[in-house]
PDB file of N, CA and C in Angstrom:
ATOM      1  N   UNK A   1     -93.421 -18.902 133.635  1.00  0.00           N
ATOM      2  CA  UNK A   1     -93.030 -20.451 134.117  1.00  0.00           C
ATOM      3  C   UNK A   1     -93.877 -20.942 132.919  1.00  0.00           C
ATOM      4  N   UNK A   2     -95.460 -20.728 132.165  1.00  0.00           N
ATOM      5  CA  UNK A   2     -96.156 -21.481 130.995  1.00  0.00           C
ATOM      6  C   UNK A   2     -94.692 -21.517 130.315  1.00  0.00           C
ATOM      7  N   UNK A   3     -94.191 -20.111 130.044  1.00  0.00           N
ATOM      8  CA  UNK A   3     -93.709 -20.280 128.400  1.00  0.00           C
ATOM      9  C   UNK A   3     -92.355 -20.774 128.605  1.00  0.00           C
ATOM     10  N   UNK A   4     -91.597 -21.203 129.935  1.00  0.00           N
ATOM     11  CA  UNK A   4     -90.747 -22.259 130.244  1.00  0.00           C
ATOM     12  C   UNK A   4     -90.569 -23.396 129.673  1.00  0.00           C
ATOM     13  N   UNK A   5     -92.088 -23.825 130.032  1.00  0.00           N
ATOM     14  CA  UNK A   5     -92.412 -25.417 130.068  1.00  0.00           C
ATOM     15  C   UNK A   5     -93.276 -25.426 128.697  1.00  0.00           C
ATOM     16  N   UNK A   6     -93.188 -24.644 127.579  1.00  0.00           N
ATOM     17  CA  UNK A   6     -94.070 -24.959 126.666  1.00  0.00           C
ATOM     18  C   UNK A   6     -92.785 -26.339 126.044  1.00  0.00           C
ATOM     19  N   UNK A   7     -93.534 -27.330 124.838  1.00  0.00           N
ATOM     20  CA  UNK A   7     -92.886 -28.129 124.394  1.00  0.00           C
ATOM     21  C   UNK A   7     -93.258 -27.923 122.773  1.00  0.00           C
ATOM     22  N   UNK A   8     -92.713 -29.054 121.978  1.00  0.00           N
ATOM     23  CA  UNK A   8     -92.646 -28.959 120.526  1.00  0.00           C
ATOM     24  C   UNK A   8     -93.838 -29.150 120.182  1.00  0.00           C
ATOM     25  N   UNK A   9     -95.090 -29.228 120.312  1.00  0.00           N
ATOM     26  CA  UNK A   9     -96.232 -28.993 120.070  1.00  0.00           C
ATOM     27  C   UNK A   9     -97.378 -28.173 120.182  1.00  0.00           C
ATOM     28  N   UNK A  10     -96.701 -27.451 121.499  1.00  0.00           N
ATOM     29  CA  UNK A  10     -97.056 -25.575 121.459  1.00  0.00           C
ATOM     30  C   UNK A  10     -96.219 -25.106 120.914  1.00  0.00           C
ATOM     31  N   UNK A  11     -95.303 -25.010 120.381  1.00  0.00           N
ATOM     32  CA  UNK A  11     -94.530 -24.374 119.302  1.00  0.00           C
ATOM     33  C   UNK A  11     -95.287 -24.456 118.048  1.00  0.00           C
ATOM     34  N   UNK A  12     -95.299 -25.745 117.279  1.00  0.00           N
ATOM     35  CA  UNK A  12     -96.133 -25.959 116.792  1.00  0.00           C
ATOM     36  C   UNK A  12     -97.335 -24.908 115.917  1.00  0.00           C
ATOM     37  N   UNK A  13     -98.230 -24.864 117.101  1.00  0.00           N
ATOM     38  CA  UNK A  13     -99.514 -24.211 117.637  1.00  0.00           C
ATOM     39  C   UNK A  13     -98.750 -22.535 116.806  1.00  0.00           C
ATOM     40  N   UNK A  14     -97.683 -22.227 117.756  1.00  0.00           N
ATOM     41  CA  UNK A  14     -97.447 -21.023 117.504  1.00  0.00           C
ATOM     42  C   UNK A  14     -96.767 -20.499 116.501  1.00  0.00           C
ATOM     43  N   UNK A  15     -96.695 -21.233 115.468  1.00  0.00           N
ATOM     44  CA  UNK A  15     -96.379 -21.125 114.251  1.00  0.00           C
ATOM     45  C   UNK A  15     -96.925 -20.973 113.642  1.00  0.00           C
ATOM     46  N   UNK A  16     -98.320 -21.539 113.724  1.00  0.00           N
ATOM     47  CA  UNK A  16     -99.583 -21.652 112.591  1.00  0.00           C
ATOM     48  C   UNK A  16    -100.649 -19.884 113.055  1.00  0.00           C
ATOM     49  N   UNK A  17     -99.617 -19.518 114.291  1.00  0.00           N
ATOM     50  CA  UNK A  17    -100.537 -18.097 114.478  1.00  0.00           C
ATOM     51  C   UNK A  17    -100.440 -16.561 113.780  1.00  0.00           C
ATOM     52  N   UNK A  18    -101.374 -16.158 112.889  1.00  0.00           N
ATOM     53  CA  UNK A  18    -100.803 -15.354 112.064  1.00  0.00           C
ATOM     54  C   UNK A  18    -100.969 -13.783 112.446  1.00  0.00           C
ATOM     55  N   UNK A  19    -101.046 -13.703 114.086  1.00  0.00           N
ATOM     56  CA  UNK A  19    -101.200 -12.869 114.665  1.00  0.00           C
ATOM     57  C   UNK A  19    -100.015 -12.303 115.462  1.00  0.00           C
ATOM     58  N   UNK A  20     -98.811 -13.347 115.311  1.00  0.00           N
ATOM     59  CA  UNK A  20     -97.546 -12.969 115.977  1.00  0.00           C
ATOM     60  C   UNK A  20     -96.764 -13.039 114.626  1.00  0.00           C
ATOM     61  N   UNK A  21     -95.246 -12.669 114.836  1.00  0.00           N
ATOM     62  CA  UNK A  21     -94.224 -12.800 114.401  1.00  0.00           C
ATOM     63  C   UNK A  21     -93.782 -14.571 114.265  1.00  0.00           C
ATOM     64  N   UNK A  22     -94.187 -15.054 113.438  1.00  0.00           N
ATOM     65  CA  UNK A  22     -93.870 -16.439 113.533  1.00  0.00           C
ATOM     66  C   UNK A  22     -92.282 -17.194 112.949  1.00  0.00           C
ATOM     67  N   UNK A  23     -91.134 -16.739 113.805  1.00  0.00           N
ATOM     68  CA  UNK A  23     -90.017 -16.586 113.149  1.00  0.00           C
ATOM     69  C   UNK A  23     -89.806 -17.825 114.569  1.00  0.00           C
ATOM     70  N   UNK A  24     -89.297 -19.079 114.172  1.00  0.00           N
ATOM     71  CA  UNK A  24     -89.290 -20.262 114.680  1.00  0.00           C
ATOM     72  C   UNK A  24     -87.680 -19.916 115.620  1.00  0.00           C
ATOM     73  N   UNK A  25     -86.576 -19.293 115.379  1.00  0.00           N
ATOM     74  CA  UNK A  25     -85.727 -18.679 116.069  1.00  0.00           C
ATOM     75  C   UNK A  25     -85.684 -17.835 117.476  1.00  0.00           C
ATOM     76  N   UNK A  26     -86.842 -17.155 116.865  1.00  0.00           N
ATOM     77  CA  UNK A  26     -87.613 -16.496 117.608  1.00  0.00           C
ATOM     78  C   UNK A  26     -88.692 -16.545 118.827  1.00  0.00           C
ATOM     79  N   UNK A  27     -89.115 -17.206 118.284  1.00  0.00           N
ATOM     80  CA  UNK A  27     -89.990 -18.464 119.518  1.00  0.00           C
ATOM     81  C   UNK A  27     -89.075 -19.280 120.445  1.00  0.00           C
ATOM     82  N   UNK A  28     -88.243 -19.593 119.736  1.00  0.00           N
ATOM     83  CA  UNK A  28     -87.231 -20.713 120.601  1.00  0.00           C
ATOM     84  C   UNK A  28     -86.803 -19.663 121.692  1.00  0.00           C
ATOM     85  N   UNK A  29     -86.343 -18.051 121.331  1.00  0.00           N
ATOM     86  CA  UNK A  29     -85.346 -17.394 122.041  1.00  0.00           C
ATOM     87  C   UNK A  29     -86.710 -16.836 123.312  1.00  0.00           C
ATOM     88  N   UNK A  30     -88.063 -17.036 122.789  1.00  0.00           N
ATOM     89  CA  UNK A  30     -88.708 -16.473 124.043  1.00  0.00           C
ATOM     90  C   UNK A  30     -88.613 -17.586 125.000  1.00  0.00           C
ATOM     91  N   UNK A  31     -88.764 -19.203 124.492  1.00  0.00           N
ATOM     92  CA  UNK A  31     -88.423 -19.969 125.347  1.00  0.00           C
ATOM     93  C   UNK A  31     -87.745 -19.918 126.698  1.00  0.00           C
ATOM     94  N   UNK A  32     -86.363 -20.219 126.040  1.00  0.00           N
ATOM     95  CA  UNK A  32     -85.235 -19.918 126.351  1.00  0.00           C
ATOM     96  C   UNK A  32     -84.850 -18.733 127.016  1.00  0.00           C
ATOM     97  N   UNK A  33     -85.352 -17.558 126.931  1.00  0.00           N
ATOM     98  CA  UNK A  33     -85.617 -16.453 127.615  1.00  0.00           C
ATOM     99  C   UNK A  33     -85.965 -16.396 129.381  1.00  0.00           C
ATOM    100  N   UNK A  34     -87.234 -17.308 128.857  1.00  0.00           N
ATOM    101  CA  UNK A  34     -87.871 -17.542 129.997  1.00  0.00           C
ATOM    102  C   UNK A  34     -87.314 -18.090 130.930  1.00  0.00           C
ATOM    103  N   UNK A  35     -86.872 -19.476 130.544  1.00  0.00           N
ATOM    104  CA  UNK A  35     -85.637 -20.501 131.420  1.00  0.00           C
ATOM    105  C   UNK A  35     -84.692 -19.642 132.145  1.00  0.00           C
ATOM    106  N   UNK A  36     -84.272 -19.096 131.212  1.00  0.00           N
ATOM    107  CA  UNK A  36     -82.886 -17.778 131.943  1.00  0.00           C
ATOM    108  C   UNK A  36     -83.635 -16.750 133.097  1.00  0.00           C
ATOM    109  N   UNK A  37     -84.538 -16.436 133.198  1.00  0.00           N
ATOM    110  CA  UNK A  37     -85.551 -15.830 133.918  1.00  0.00           C
ATOM    111  C   UNK A  37     -85.649 -16.924 134.971  1.00  0.00           C
ATOM    112  N   UNK A  38     -85.816 -17.677 135.083  1.00  0.00           N
ATOM    113  CA  UNK A  38     -86.375 -18.294 136.133  1.00  0.00           C
ATOM    114  C   UNK A  38     -85.292 -19.198 136.865  1.00  0.00           C
ATOM    115  N   UNK A  39     -84.150 -19.222 135.893  1.00  0.00           N
ATOM    116  CA  UNK A  39     -82.715 -20.139 136.509  1.00  0.00           C
ATOM    117  C   UNK A  39     -82.213 -18.471 137.653  1.00  0.00           C
ATOM    118  N   UNK A  40     -82.463 -17.190 137.300  1.00  0.00           N
ATOM    119  CA  UNK A  40     -81.707 -16.433 137.724  1.00  0.00           C
ATOM    120  C   UNK A  40     -82.855 -16.155 139.382  1.00  0.00           C
ATOM    121  N   UNK A  41     -83.713 -16.569 138.810  1.00  0.00           N
ATOM    122  CA  UNK A  41     -84.916 -16.174 140.237  1.00  0.00           C
ATOM    123  C   UNK A  41     -84.472 -17.272 141.419  1.00  0.00           C
ATOM    124  N   UNK A  42     -84.295 -18.387 140.933  1.00  0.00           N
ATOM    125  CA  UNK A  42     -83.688 -20.425 141.368  1.00  0.00           C
ATOM    126  C   UNK A  42     -82.241 -19.357 141.789  1.00  0.00           C
ATOM    127  N   UNK A  43     -81.732 -18.676 141.420  1.00  0.00           N
ATOM    128  CA  UNK A  43     -80.671 -18.466 141.885  1.00  0.00           C
ATOM    129  C   UNK A  43     -80.194 -17.170 143.138  1.00  0.00           C
ATOM    130  N   UNK A  44     -81.718 -16.658 143.494  1.00  0.00           N
ATOM    131  CA  UNK A  44     -81.883 -15.618 144.345  1.00  0.00           C
ATOM    132  C   UNK A  44     -81.613 -14.038 143.486  1.00  0.00           C
ATOM    133  N   UNK A  45     -81.745 -14.282 142.271  1.00  0.00           N
ATOM    134  CA  UNK A  45     -80.972 -13.112 141.545  1.00  0.00           C
ATOM    135  C   UNK A  45     -82.423 -12.445 140.921  1.00  0.00           C
ATOM    136  N   UNK A  46     -82.475 -11.051 141.819  1.00  0.00           N
ATOM    137  CA  UNK A  46     -83.908  -9.995 141.235  1.00  0.00           C
ATOM    138  C   UNK A  46     -83.699  -9.893 139.937  1.00  0.00           C
ATOM    139  N   UNK A  47     -84.466  -9.954 138.941  1.00  0.00           N
ATOM    140  CA  UNK A  47     -84.326  -9.673 138.093  1.00  0.00           C
ATOM    141  C   UNK A  47     -84.668  -7.875 137.947  1.00  0.00           C
ATOM    142  N   UNK A  48     -85.445  -7.423 138.765  1.00  0.00           N
ATOM    143  CA  UNK A  48     -85.522  -5.380 138.514  1.00  0.00           C
ATOM    144  C   UNK A  48     -84.125  -5.400 139.165  1.00  0.00           C
ATOM    145  N   UNK A  49     -83.629  -5.937 140.399  1.00  0.00           N
ATOM    146  CA  UNK A  49     -82.558  -5.331 140.607  1.00  0.00           C
ATOM    147  C   UNK A  49     -80.970  -5.318 139.923  1.00  0.00           C
ATOM    148  N   UNK A  50     -81.090  -6.411 139.088  1.00  0.00           N
ATOM    149  CA  UNK A  50     -80.579  -6.911 138.164  1.00  0.00           C
ATOM    150  C   UNK A  50     -80.349  -5.890 137.222  1.00  0.00           C
ATOM    151  N   UNK A  51     -81.236  -5.398 136.626  1.00  0.00           N
ATOM    152  CA  UNK A  51     -81.288  -4.449 135.243  1.00  0.00           C
ATOM    153  C   UNK A  51     -80.959  -3.170 136.072  1.00  0.00           C
ATOM    154  N   UNK A  52     -81.392  -2.505 136.963  1.00  0.00           N
ATOM    155  CA  UNK A  52     -80.984  -1.498 137.448  1.00  0.00           C
ATOM    156  C   UNK A  52     -79.559  -0.971 137.445  1.00  0.00           C
ATOM    157  N   UNK A  53     -79.004  -2.152 138.092  1.00  0.00           N
ATOM    158  CA  UNK A  53     -77.469  -1.741 138.285  1.00  0.00           C
ATOM    159  C   UNK A  53     -76.961  -1.177 137.444  1.00  0.00           C
ATOM    160  N   UNK A  54     -77.113  -1.567 135.917  1.00  0.00           N
ATOM    161  CA  UNK A  54     -76.622  -1.183 134.522  1.00  0.00           C
ATOM    162  C   UNK A  54     -76.569   0.305 134.567  1.00  0.00           C
ATOM    163  N   UNK A  55     -77.957   1.077 135.421  1.00  0.00           N
ATOM    164  CA  UNK A  55     -78.076   2.654 135.154  1.00  0.00           C
ATOM    165  C   UNK A  55     -77.476   3.255 136.526  1.00  0.00           C
ATOM    166  N   UNK A  56     -76.616   2.336 137.095  1.00  0.00           N
ATOM    167  CA  UNK A  56     -76.719   2.883 138.932  1.00  0.00           C
ATOM    168  C   UNK A  56     -77.804   3.086 139.514  1.00  0.00           C
ATOM    169  N   UNK A  57     -78.781   2.677 139.540  1.00  0.00           N
ATOM    170  CA  UNK A  57     -80.067   2.225 140.454  1.00  0.00           C
ATOM    171  C   UNK A  57     -80.681   4.251 140.292  1.00  0.00           C
ATOM    172  N   UNK A  58     -80.740   4.266 138.998  1.00  0.00           N
ATOM    173  CA  UNK A  58     -80.595   6.073 139.074  1.00  0.00           C
ATOM    174  C   UNK A  58     -81.093   6.037 137.152  1.00  0.00           C
ATOM    175  N   UNK A  59     -82.818   6.523 137.132  1.00  0.00           N
ATOM    176  CA  UNK A  59     -83.344   6.577 135.578  1.00  0.00           C
ATOM    177  C   UNK A  59     -82.115   7.634 134.610  1.00  0.00           C
ATOM    178  N   UNK A  60     -81.884   7.448 133.574  1.00  0.00           N
ATOM    179  CA  UNK A  60     -80.612   8.337 133.331  1.00  0.00           C
ATOM    180  C   UNK A  60     -81.946   8.942 132.070  1.00  0.00           C
ATOM    181  N   UNK A  61     -81.579  10.698 132.534  1.00  0.00           N
ATOM    182  CA  UNK A  61     -82.423  11.365 131.343  1.00  0.00           C
ATOM    183  C   UNK A  61     -81.900  11.948 130.357  1.00  0.00           C
ATOM    184  N   UNK A  62     -82.621  11.912 129.136  1.00  0.00           N
ATOM    185  CA  UNK A  62     -81.501  12.516 128.062  1.00  0.00           C
ATOM    186  C   UNK A  62     -82.744  13.496 128.009  1.00  0.00           C
ATOM    187  N   UNK A  63     -82.000  14.830 127.212  1.00  0.00           N
ATOM    188  CA  UNK A  63     -82.578  16.061 126.669  1.00  0.00           C
ATOM    189  C   UNK A  63     -82.307  16.560 125.071  1.00  0.00           C
ATOM    190  N   UNK A  64     -83.409  15.682 124.858  1.00  0.00           N
ATOM    191  CA  UNK A  64     -83.385  15.355 123.387  1.00  0.00           C
ATOM    192  C   UNK A  64     -84.431  16.904 122.422  1.00  0.00           C
ATOM    193  N   UNK A  65     -84.350  17.920 121.952  1.00  0.00           N
ATOM    194  CA  UNK A  65     -85.540  18.655 121.347  1.00  0.00           C
ATOM    195  C   UNK A  65     -85.935  17.614 120.247  1.00  0.00           C
ATOM    196  N   UNK A  66     -86.128  16.618 119.759  1.00  0.00           N
ATOM    197  CA  UNK A  66     -86.028  15.700 118.647  1.00  0.00           C
ATOM    198  C   UNK A  66     -85.756  14.283 118.823  1.00  0.00           C
ATOM    199  N   UNK A  67     -87.101  13.551 119.074  1.00  0.00           N
ATOM    200  CA  UNK A  67     -86.620  12.515 119.619  1.00  0.00           C
ATOM    201  C   UNK A  67     -85.514  11.458 118.560  1.00  0.00           C
ATOM    202  N   UNK A  68     -85.746  12.150 117.425  1.00  0.00           N
ATOM    203  CA  UNK A  68     -85.130  11.238 116.304  1.00  0.00           C
ATOM    204  C   UNK A  68     -82.980  11.642 116.588  1.00  0.00           C
ATOM    205  N   UNK A  69     -83.472  12.458 117.315  1.00  0.00           N
ATOM    206  CA  UNK A  69     -81.661  12.437 117.930  1.00  0.00           C
ATOM    207  C   UNK A  69     -81.398  11.323 119.229  1.00  0.00           C
ATOM    208  N   UNK A  70     -82.244  10.751 119.187  1.00  0.00           N
ATOM    209  CA  UNK A  70     -82.048   9.385 120.488  1.00  0.00           C
ATOM    210  C   UNK A  70     -82.067   8.756 119.831  1.00  0.00           C
ATOM    211  N   UNK A  71     -80.407   8.054 120.438  1.00  0.00           N
ATOM    212  CA  UNK A  71     -79.384   7.031 119.845  1.00  0.00           C
ATOM    213  C   UNK A  71     -80.781   5.663 120.169  1.00  0.00           C
ATOM    214  N   UNK A  72     -80.108   4.746 119.748  1.00  0.00           N
ATOM    215  CA  UNK A  72     -80.800   3.296 119.703  1.00  0.00           C
ATOM    216  C   UNK A  72     -79.893   2.289 120.315  1.00  0.00           C
ATOM    217  N   UNK A  73     -78.576   2.649 120.987  1.00  0.00           N
ATOM    218  CA  UNK A  73     -78.257   1.873 122.045  1.00  0.00           C
ATOM    219  C   UNK A  73     -77.049   2.685 122.883  1.00  0.00           C
ATOM    220  N   UNK A  74     -76.730   2.447 123.887  1.00  0.00           N
ATOM    221  CA  UNK A  74     -75.584   2.953 124.508  1.00  0.00           C
ATOM    222  C   UNK A  74     -74.829   1.950 125.354  1.00  0.00           C
ATOM    223  N   UNK A  75     -73.923   2.603 125.911  1.00  0.00           N
ATOM    224  CA  UNK A  75     -72.678   1.842 126.971  1.00  0.00           C
ATOM    225  C   UNK A  75     -73.581   0.770 127.621  1.00  0.00           C
ATOM    226  N   UNK A  76     -74.616   1.493 128.363  1.00  0.00           N
ATOM    227  CA  UNK A  76     -75.767   0.591 129.345  1.00  0.00           C
ATOM    228  C   UNK A  76     -75.992  -0.497 128.520  1.00  0.00           C
ATOM    229  N   UNK A  77     -76.684  -0.454 127.792  1.00  0.00           N
ATOM    230  CA  UNK A  77     -77.498  -1.534 126.688  1.00  0.00           C
ATOM    231  C   UNK A  77     -76.326  -2.463 126.057  1.00  0.00           C
ATOM    232  N   UNK A  78     -75.279  -1.987 125.832  1.00  0.00           N
ATOM    233  CA  UNK A  78     -73.941  -3.069 125.897  1.00  0.00           C
ATOM    234  C   UNK A  78     -74.154  -3.987 126.642  1.00  0.00           C
ATOM    235  N   UNK A  79     -73.398  -3.520 127.754  1.00  0.00           N
ATOM    236  CA  UNK A  79     -73.573  -3.938 129.026  1.00  0.00           C
ATOM    237  C   UNK A  79     -74.305  -5.150 129.470  1.00  0.00           C
ATOM    238  N   UNK A  80     -75.708  -4.509 129.304  1.00  0.00           N
ATOM    239  CA  UNK A  80     -76.558  -5.918 129.817  1.00  0.00           C
ATOM    240  C   UNK A  80     -76.888  -6.724 128.395  1.00  0.00           C
ATOM    241  N   UNK A  81     -76.969  -6.390 127.543  1.00  0.00           N
ATOM    242  CA  UNK A  81     -76.634  -7.240 126.588  1.00  0.00           C
ATOM    243  C   UNK A  81     -75.724  -8.430 126.423  1.00  0.00           C
ATOM    244  N   UNK A  82     -74.935  -8.178 127.303  1.00  0.00           N
ATOM    245  CA  UNK A  82     -73.483  -8.855 127.068  1.00  0.00           C
ATOM    246  C   UNK A  82     -73.498 -10.102 128.592  1.00  0.00           C
ATOM    247  N   UNK A  83     -74.321  -9.375 129.942  1.00  0.00           N
ATOM    248  CA  UNK A  83     -74.675  -9.777 131.334  1.00  0.00           C
ATOM    249  C   UNK A  83     -76.207 -10.764 130.655  1.00  0.00           C
ATOM    250  N   UNK A  84     -76.619 -10.314 130.019  1.00  0.00           N
ATOM    251  CA  UNK A  84     -77.873 -11.507 129.408  1.00  0.00           C
ATOM    252  C   UNK A  84     -77.384 -12.424 128.908  1.00  0.00           C
ATOM    253  N   UNK A  85     -76.938 -12.152 127.634  1.00  0.00           N
ATOM    254  CA  UNK A  85     -76.062 -13.240 127.030  1.00  0.00           C
ATOM    255  C   UNK A  85     -75.688 -14.506 128.171  1.00  0.00           C
ATOM    256  N   UNK A  86     -74.493 -13.770 128.862  1.00  0.00           N
ATOM    257  CA  UNK A  86     -73.781 -14.550 129.691  1.00  0.00           C
ATOM    258  C   UNK A  86     -74.991 -15.358 130.876  1.00  0.00           C
ATOM    259  N   UNK A  87     -76.164 -15.138 130.624  1.00  0.00           N
ATOM    260  CA  UNK A  87     -77.013 -15.735 131.597  1.00  0.00           C
ATOM    261  C   UNK A  87     -77.724 -17.118 130.831  1.00  0.00           C
ATOM    262  N   UNK A  88     -77.694 -17.402 129.628  1.00  0.00           N
ATOM    263  CA  UNK A  88     -77.863 -17.589 128.549  1.00  0.00           C
ATOM    264  C   UNK A  88     -79.458 -16.670 127.477  1.00  0.00           C
ATOM    265  N   UNK A  89     -79.555 -15.868 127.521  1.00  0.00           N
ATOM    266  CA  UNK A  89     -81.023 -14.953 126.904  1.00  0.00           C
ATOM    267  C   UNK A  89     -80.640 -14.992 125.742  1.00  0.00           C
ATOM    268  N   UNK A  90     -81.637 -15.266 125.025  1.00  0.00           N
ATOM    269  CA  UNK A  90     -80.963 -14.888 123.334  1.00  0.00           C
ATOM    270  C   UNK A  90     -81.744 -13.687 122.471  1.00  0.00           C
ATOM    271  N   UNK A  91     -81.293 -13.577 121.168  1.00  0.00           N
ATOM    272  CA  UNK A  91     -82.288 -12.491 120.618  1.00  0.00           C
ATOM    273  C   UNK A  91     -81.803 -11.482 121.369  1.00  0.00           C
ATOM    274  N   UNK A  92     -80.502 -10.690 121.935  1.00  0.00           N
ATOM    275  CA  UNK A  92     -81.286  -9.791 123.159  1.00  0.00           C
ATOM    276  C   UNK A  92     -79.730  -9.051 122.786  1.00  0.00           C
ATOM    277  N   UNK A  93     -79.955  -8.567 121.809  1.00  0.00           N
ATOM    278  CA  UNK A  93     -78.849  -7.349 121.478  1.00  0.00           C
ATOM    279  C   UNK A  93     -78.893  -6.040 122.055  1.00  0.00           C
ATOM    280  N   UNK A  94     -77.656  -4.977 121.883  1.00  0.00           N
ATOM    281  CA  UNK A  94     -77.683  -4.109 122.674  1.00  0.00           C
ATOM    282  C   UNK A  94     -79.220  -3.234 121.983  1.00  0.00           C
ATOM    283  N   UNK A  95     -79.298  -2.972 120.868  1.00  0.00           N
ATOM    284  CA  UNK A  95     -80.687  -2.424 120.710  1.00  0.00           C
ATOM    285  C   UNK A  95     -81.888  -2.340 121.446  1.00  0.00           C
ATOM    286  N   UNK A  96     -82.444  -4.063 121.494  1.00  0.00           N
ATOM    287  CA  UNK A  96     -83.518  -4.654 122.329  1.00  0.00           C
ATOM    288  C   UNK A  96     -83.158  -4.205 123.534  1.00  0.00           C
ATOM    289  N   UNK A  97     -82.252  -3.872 124.117  1.00  0.00           N
ATOM    290  CA  UNK A  97     -82.127  -4.333 125.437  1.00  0.00           C
ATOM    291  C   UNK A  97     -81.755  -2.450 125.341  1.00  0.00           C
ATOM    292  N   UNK A  98     -81.757  -1.628 125.103  1.00  0.00           N
ATOM    293  CA  UNK A  98     -82.286  -0.331 125.296  1.00  0.00           C
ATOM    294  C   UNK A  98     -83.709  -0.176 124.959  1.00  0.00           C
ATOM    295  N   UNK A  99     -84.119  -0.549 123.783  1.00  0.00           N
ATOM    296  CA  UNK A  99     -85.409  -0.063 123.859  1.00  0.00           C
ATOM    297  C   UNK A  99     -86.393  -0.697 124.917  1.00  0.00           C
ATOM    298  N   UNK A 100     -85.667  -1.839 125.795  1.00  0.00           N
ATOM    299  CA  UNK A 100     -86.404  -2.509 126.833  1.00  0.00           C
ATOM    300  C   UNK A 100     -86.064  -1.236 128.075  1.00  0.00           C
ATOM    301  N   UNK A 101     -84.874  -0.753 128.223  1.00  0.00           N
ATOM    302  CA  UNK A 101     -84.551  -0.072 129.108  1.00  0.00           C
ATOM    303  C   UNK A 101     -85.162   1.400 129.229  1.00  0.00           C
ATOM    304  N   UNK A 102     -85.708   1.887 127.938  1.00  0.00           N
ATOM    305  CA  UNK A 102     -86.482   3.054 127.449  1.00  0.00           C
ATOM    306  C   UNK A 102     -88.092   2.534 128.212  1.00  0.00           C
ATOM    307  N   UNK A 103     -88.478   1.366 127.495  1.00  0.00           N
ATOM    308  CA  UNK A 103     -89.940   1.222 128.219  1.00  0.00           C
ATOM    309  C   UNK A 103     -90.035   0.631 129.505  1.00  0.00           C
ATOM    310  N   UNK A 104     -89.149   0.389 130.104  1.00  0.00           N
ATOM    311  CA  UNK A 104     -89.263   0.234 131.780  1.00  0.00           C
ATOM    312  C   UNK A 104     -88.703   1.484 132.636  1.00  0.00           C
ATOM    313  N   UNK A 105     -87.991   2.866 131.663  1.00  0.00           N
ATOM    314  CA  UNK A 105     -88.171   3.674 132.519  1.00  0.00           C
ATOM    315  C   UNK A 105     -86.853   3.632 133.008  1.00  0.00           C
ATOM    316  N   UNK A 106     -85.698   3.058 132.815  1.00  0.00           N
ATOM    317  CA  UNK A 106     -84.425   2.822 132.981  1.00  0.00           C
ATOM    318  C   UNK A 106     -83.730   4.424 132.307  1.00  0.00           C
ATOM    319  N   UNK A 107     -84.092   4.416 130.758  1.00  0.00           N
ATOM    320  CA  UNK A 107     -83.632   5.891 130.201  1.00  0.00           C
ATOM    321  C   UNK A 107     -85.064   6.454 129.793  1.00  0.00           C
ATOM    322  N   UNK A 108     -84.815   7.727 129.764  1.00  0.00           N
ATOM    323  CA  UNK A 108     -86.092   8.383 129.556  1.00  0.00           C
ATOM    324  C   UNK A 108     -85.517   9.550 128.541  1.00  0.00           C
ATOM    325  N   UNK A 109     -85.714   9.149 127.523  1.00  0.00           N
ATOM    326  CA  UNK A 109     -85.578   9.710 125.972  1.00  0.00           C
ATOM    327  C   UNK A 109     -86.784  10.181 125.414  1.00  0.00           C
ATOM    328  N   UNK A 110     -87.689  10.943 125.970  1.00  0.00           N
ATOM    329  CA  UNK A 110     -88.564  11.962 125.720  1.00  0.00           C
ATOM    330  C   UNK A 110     -87.738  12.899 124.886  1.00  0.00           C
ATOM    331  N   UNK A 111     -88.638  13.611 124.015  1.00  0.00           N
ATOM    332  CA  UNK A 111     -88.661  15.159 123.884  1.00  0.00           C
ATOM    333  C   UNK A 111     -88.306  16.225 125.081  1.00  0.00           C
ATOM    334  N   UNK A 112     -87.534  16.831 125.000  1.00  0.00           N
ATOM    335  CA  UNK A 112     -87.256  17.849 126.275  1.00  0.00           C
ATOM    336  C   UNK A 112     -88.264  19.013 126.187  1.00  0.00           C
ATOM    337  N   UNK A 113     -89.309  18.633 125.004  1.00  0.00           N
ATOM    338  CA  UNK A 113     -90.965  19.437 125.533  1.00  0.00           C
ATOM    339  C   UNK A 113     -91.804  18.561 125.274  1.00  0.00           C
ATOM    340  N   UNK A 114     -91.741  17.097 125.702  1.00  0.00           N
ATOM    341  CA  UNK A 114     -92.656  16.788 126.090  1.00  0.00           C
ATOM    342  C   UNK A 114     -93.393  16.552 127.415  1.00  0.00           C
ATOM    343  N   UNK A 115     -94.665  16.286 127.461  1.00  0.00           N
ATOM    344  CA  UNK A 115     -95.384  16.448 129.002  1.00  0.00           C
ATOM    345  C   UNK A 115     -94.819  15.550 130.024  1.00  0.00           C
ATOM    346  N   UNK A 116     -94.139  14.446 129.579  1.00  0.00           N
ATOM    347  CA  UNK A 116     -93.352  13.100 129.976  1.00  0.00           C
ATOM    348  C   UNK A 116     -91.990  13.028 130.454  1.00  0.00           C
ATOM    349  N   UNK A 117     -91.761  14.391 129.507  1.00  0.00           N
ATOM    350  CA  UNK A 117     -90.210  14.502 130.163  1.00  0.00           C
ATOM    351  C   UNK A 117     -90.309  15.700 131.331  1.00  0.00           C
ATOM    352  N   UNK A 118     -89.298  14.790 132.588  1.00  0.00           N
ATOM    353  CA  UNK A 118     -88.972  15.011 134.473  1.00  0.00           C
ATOM    354  C   UNK A 118     -88.989  16.747 133.912  1.00  0.00           C
ATOM    355  N   UNK A 119     -88.511  17.732 133.222  1.00  0.00           N
ATOM    356  CA  UNK A 119     -88.033  18.804 133.251  1.00  0.00           C
ATOM    357  C   UNK A 119     -89.432  19.559 133.238  1.00  0.00           C
ATOM    358  N   UNK A 120     -90.690  18.790 132.984  1.00  0.00           N
ATOM    359  CA  UNK A 120     -92.201  19.270 132.535  1.00  0.00           C
ATOM    360  C   UNK A 120     -92.657  19.061 133.624  1.00  0.00           C
ATOM    361  N   UNK A 121     -92.298  18.359 134.214  1.00  0.00           N
ATOM    362  CA  UNK A 121     -93.393  17.654 135.475  1.00  0.00           C
ATOM    363  C   UNK A 121     -94.066  18.856 136.582  1.00  0.00           C
ATOM    364  N   UNK A 122     -95.261  18.842 136.727  1.00  0.00           N
ATOM    365  CA  UNK A 122     -95.376  19.947 137.874  1.00  0.00           C
ATOM    366  C   UNK A 122     -95.642  19.307 139.539  1.00  0.00           C
ATOM    367  N   UNK A 123     -94.889  20.016 139.835  1.00  0.00           N
ATOM    368  CA  UNK A 123     -94.700  19.582 141.668  1.00  0.00           C
ATOM    369  C   UNK A 123     -96.009  19.148 142.451  1.00  0.00           C
TER     370      UNK A 123
END
């Protein structure tokens, strides 16, 4: 909520912060995305349920012997990107969506020999 309420003075302060990426368009997108998220929430749309529908509510597990074989996007990430853009999100292309889906566990691209890969989990 605090991000959605940022004003021009706060944005100017952010632009002086050397600890972040100081790209005016990206900062504006973060604020727009916070507002779009809150709009979804206000309309009764649960964000978690929204994103999980793009993977049919089940984690996609890939079996790559080497992480360099993992893609940078997918059909699901493209669909998520389009749906988020329709809801007012900015700077949210398929590659960012794919990374988000990996980070949140919707897609598991751990190498098949990694201890984090589901095939290597002890029961």
